[in-house]
Protein backbone atom coordinates (compact mmCIF):
# COMPACT_ATOMS: atom_id res chain seq x y z
CA MET A 1 -6.46 -12.13 -20.38
CA LYS A 2 -3.13 -13.90 -20.19
CA GLN A 3 0.14 -12.50 -18.95
CA LYS A 4 2.12 -11.24 -21.95
CA GLN A 5 5.45 -13.01 -21.32
CA ALA A 6 5.85 -15.75 -18.75
CA SER A 7 9.63 -15.22 -18.60
CA TYR A 8 9.18 -11.66 -17.38
CA LEU A 9 8.05 -10.58 -13.93
CA THR A 10 5.00 -8.49 -14.84
CA GLY A 11 2.31 -9.14 -12.22
CA LYS A 12 4.74 -10.66 -9.68
CA LEU A 13 5.90 -9.29 -6.34
CA LEU A 14 9.50 -8.44 -5.53
CA LEU A 15 10.58 -8.71 -1.90
CA ALA A 16 13.64 -6.71 -0.90
CA MET A 17 16.37 -8.78 0.73
CA PRO A 18 19.07 -7.61 3.14
CA ALA A 19 21.47 -7.50 0.15
CA ILE A 20 19.43 -4.71 -1.46
CA GLY A 21 21.94 -2.07 -0.31
CA ASP A 22 19.47 0.79 -0.90
CA GLN A 23 17.68 1.99 2.23
CA ARG A 24 14.86 3.43 0.11
CA PHE A 25 13.81 -0.18 -0.53
CA HIS A 26 14.46 -1.69 2.92
CA ARG A 27 11.84 -4.47 3.38
CA SER A 28 9.91 -3.27 0.33
CA VAL A 29 7.23 -5.29 -1.39
CA ILE A 30 6.97 -4.18 -5.02
CA PHE A 31 4.15 -5.05 -7.40
CA MET A 32 5.68 -5.41 -10.88
CA ALA A 33 3.54 -3.33 -13.23
CA ALA A 34 5.72 -3.98 -16.27
CA HIS A 35 8.85 -5.94 -17.14
CA ASP A 36 10.27 -6.68 -20.57
CA GLU A 37 13.52 -6.45 -22.53
CA ASN A 38 13.44 -2.63 -22.25
CA GLY A 39 13.36 -2.50 -18.44
CA ALA A 40 10.90 -2.70 -15.60
CA MET A 41 8.48 -0.62 -13.55
CA GLY A 42 7.14 -1.51 -10.13
CA LEU A 43 4.96 -0.01 -7.42
CA VAL A 44 5.94 -0.28 -3.75
CA ILE A 45 2.80 -1.49 -1.96
CA ASN A 46 3.96 -1.38 1.67
CA SER A 47 5.05 2.21 2.23
CA ASP A 48 2.06 4.35 3.10
CA LEU A 49 1.95 8.13 3.33
CA PRO A 50 -0.14 8.67 6.47
CA GLU A 51 0.33 12.44 6.26
CA LEU A 52 -1.41 12.38 2.87
CA GLY A 53 -4.74 10.65 3.23
CA PHE A 54 -7.00 10.06 0.24
CA GLU A 55 -9.38 12.82 1.38
CA ASN A 56 -6.48 15.32 1.49
CA LEU A 57 -5.32 14.18 -1.94
CA LEU A 58 -8.78 14.81 -3.39
CA ASP A 59 -8.77 18.28 -1.81
CA GLN A 60 -5.37 19.05 -3.36
CA LEU A 61 -6.61 17.94 -6.78
CA GLY A 62 -9.82 19.96 -6.43
CA ILE A 63 -11.98 16.85 -6.67
CA SER A 64 -13.59 16.78 -3.22
CA SER A 65 -16.05 19.59 -3.98
CA LYS A 66 -17.63 17.33 -6.63
CA ILE A 67 -18.14 14.42 -4.23
CA GLU A 68 -21.35 13.81 -2.32
CA VAL A 69 -20.27 10.80 -0.22
CA ASP A 70 -18.63 10.80 3.21
CA LEU A 71 -14.93 10.63 2.34
CA LYS A 72 -13.97 9.83 5.93
CA ASN A 73 -15.49 6.36 5.43
CA LEU A 74 -13.52 5.79 2.22
CA ASN A 75 -10.56 3.58 3.13
CA LEU A 76 -8.11 4.01 0.27
CA PRO A 77 -4.51 4.24 1.40
CA VAL A 78 -2.07 6.56 -0.34
CA MET A 79 1.25 4.80 -0.85
CA SER A 80 4.76 5.92 -1.74
CA GLY A 81 5.39 3.79 -4.82
CA GLY A 82 9.07 4.53 -5.29
CA PRO A 83 11.62 7.26 -5.93
CA VAL A 84 10.75 7.99 -9.58
CA GLU A 85 8.19 10.70 -10.46
CA LYS A 86 6.86 10.95 -6.91
CA SER A 87 3.96 13.19 -7.94
CA ARG A 88 2.67 10.78 -10.60
CA GLY A 89 -0.29 8.75 -9.36
CA PHE A 90 -1.40 5.20 -10.10
CA LEU A 91 -4.48 3.32 -9.02
CA LEU A 92 -3.54 -0.36 -8.61
CA HIS A 93 -6.85 -2.21 -8.53
CA THR A 94 -8.87 -5.32 -9.15
CA THR A 95 -10.05 -6.01 -12.69
CA ASP A 96 -13.71 -5.24 -11.97
CA PHE A 97 -13.02 -1.58 -12.89
CA HIS A 98 -12.06 -0.51 -16.39
CA GLN A 99 -11.69 2.77 -18.24
CA LYS A 100 -10.26 3.49 -21.66
CA GLU A 101 -6.87 4.28 -20.05
CA THR A 102 -6.82 1.20 -17.78
CA ILE A 103 -3.88 -1.13 -18.34
CA PRO A 104 -4.64 -4.77 -17.56
CA VAL A 105 -1.67 -6.46 -15.87
CA ASP A 106 -3.02 -10.00 -15.45
CA ASP A 107 -6.24 -11.78 -14.44
CA ASP A 108 -6.28 -10.15 -10.98
CA PHE A 109 -4.76 -6.67 -11.35
CA SER A 110 -5.09 -3.55 -13.47
CA ILE A 111 -3.62 -0.05 -13.27
CA THR A 112 -5.35 3.22 -14.07
CA GLY A 113 -3.70 6.61 -13.79
CA THR A 114 -6.39 9.23 -14.36
CA ILE A 115 -8.05 11.87 -12.21
CA ASP A 116 -11.37 10.59 -13.56
CA ALA A 117 -10.61 7.21 -11.95
CA LEU A 118 -10.01 8.91 -8.58
CA THR A 119 -13.29 10.77 -8.93
CA LYS A 120 -15.12 7.49 -9.63
CA VAL A 121 -13.49 5.87 -6.59
CA ALA A 122 -14.50 8.80 -4.39
CA LYS A 123 -18.07 8.62 -5.68
CA GLY A 124 -18.26 4.91 -4.88
CA ASN A 125 -18.04 3.80 -8.52
CA GLY A 126 -14.49 2.47 -8.42
CA PRO A 127 -13.01 -1.00 -8.15
CA ASP A 128 -13.80 -3.36 -5.29
CA HIS A 129 -10.19 -3.12 -4.06
CA ALA A 130 -7.47 -0.59 -4.79
CA LEU A 131 -4.36 1.21 -3.61
CA PHE A 132 -3.49 4.74 -4.70
CA ILE A 133 0.25 5.01 -5.27
CA LEU A 134 2.42 8.07 -5.88
CA GLY A 135 5.70 7.43 -7.70
CA TYR A 136 7.26 4.21 -8.87
CA ALA A 137 10.45 2.18 -8.98
CA GLY A 138 12.12 1.86 -12.36
CA TRP A 139 14.90 -0.26 -13.85
CA THR A 140 16.72 0.11 -17.16
CA ALA A 141 17.17 -2.84 -19.51
CA GLY A 142 19.00 -5.65 -17.67
CA GLN A 143 19.28 -3.75 -14.38
CA LEU A 144 16.64 -5.76 -12.52
CA GLU A 145 18.11 -9.02 -13.78
CA GLN A 146 21.51 -7.97 -12.35
CA GLU A 147 19.93 -7.14 -9.00
CA LEU A 148 18.21 -10.54 -8.95
CA GLN A 149 21.55 -12.25 -9.57
CA LYS A 150 23.01 -10.31 -6.62
CA ASN A 151 20.24 -11.64 -4.32
CA ALA A 152 18.71 -8.21 -3.84
CA TRP A 153 15.16 -9.48 -4.46
CA LEU A 154 13.02 -12.57 -4.05
CA VAL A 155 10.14 -13.13 -6.46
CA LEU A 156 6.68 -14.20 -5.35
CA ASP A 157 3.37 -14.69 -7.16
CA SER A 158 1.01 -11.79 -6.51
CA ASP A 159 -1.91 -12.40 -4.22
CA PRO A 160 -4.82 -9.92 -4.11
CA ALA A 161 -5.31 -10.65 -0.39
CA LEU A 162 -1.71 -9.69 0.35
CA VAL A 163 -1.74 -6.66 -1.96
CA PHE A 164 -5.07 -5.16 -0.90
CA HIS A 165 -6.02 -6.53 2.52
CA GLU A 166 -2.93 -6.94 4.67
CA LYS A 167 -1.80 -4.06 6.86
CA THR A 168 0.92 -2.06 5.15
CA GLY A 169 3.50 -2.82 7.85
CA ASP A 170 2.76 -6.57 7.71
CA LYS A 171 3.07 -7.16 3.95
CA TRP A 172 6.80 -7.97 3.83
CA ASN A 173 6.56 -10.49 6.70
CA MET A 174 3.42 -12.05 5.21
CA ALA A 175 5.11 -12.39 1.82
CA ILE A 176 8.20 -14.01 3.37
CA ASP A 177 5.89 -16.38 5.31
CA LYS A 178 4.17 -17.38 2.03
CA LEU A 179 7.58 -18.47 0.75
CA GLY A 180 8.19 -20.49 3.92
CA ILE A 181 11.33 -18.56 4.80
CA ASP A 182 12.46 -17.58 8.29
CA PRO A 183 13.48 -13.88 7.99
CA ALA A 184 16.17 -14.42 10.66
CA MET A 185 17.94 -16.78 8.26
CA LEU A 186 18.28 -14.21 5.48
CA SER A 187 21.75 -12.88 4.84
CA GLY A 188 23.00 -9.74 3.18
CA GLU A 189 25.96 -11.66 1.75
CA ILE A 190 26.11 -12.89 -1.82
CA GLY A 191 27.06 -16.54 -2.10
CA ARG A 192 28.53 -18.52 -4.99
CA ALA A 193 28.39 -22.27 -5.30
């Protein structure tokens, strides 16, 4: 499965720069779930919700009573994906898991947003690697492009190891390191040549 439009950022990572100007996105790493001429949608992948563990989430949704595995051994972080629709959940996962509602993003990532998917994960029938994310970041048509021109974001190719395996608090630094940039050299000022 090929990425739909190479000129768009679907499947990429956005790294918040000091020029972002919005504290909600300070040092955010955002997985771009969709980006086209109509706007963009991304999922913050480095802002966990430690007070809301996956086991608690399943209890709140009434799923845990149907599960026969030890949920304490299930290591699926619950992330705060952004300020839009904070109660809407998304499972960002590897492509080895697919349901009718699953949306393939690229060769490495898919997104599923159903309670059935959470039940399968809890029963041990989910993807090899996943993050559960509540909420998302959204941009209207042209808004993200304007923010990119103002140096609010850097763009990086997605890496499953970075997305799924790095500690939440380390993802921004690891992504900056992949670009070969010294974070101390980043400026919040916009420059013009």
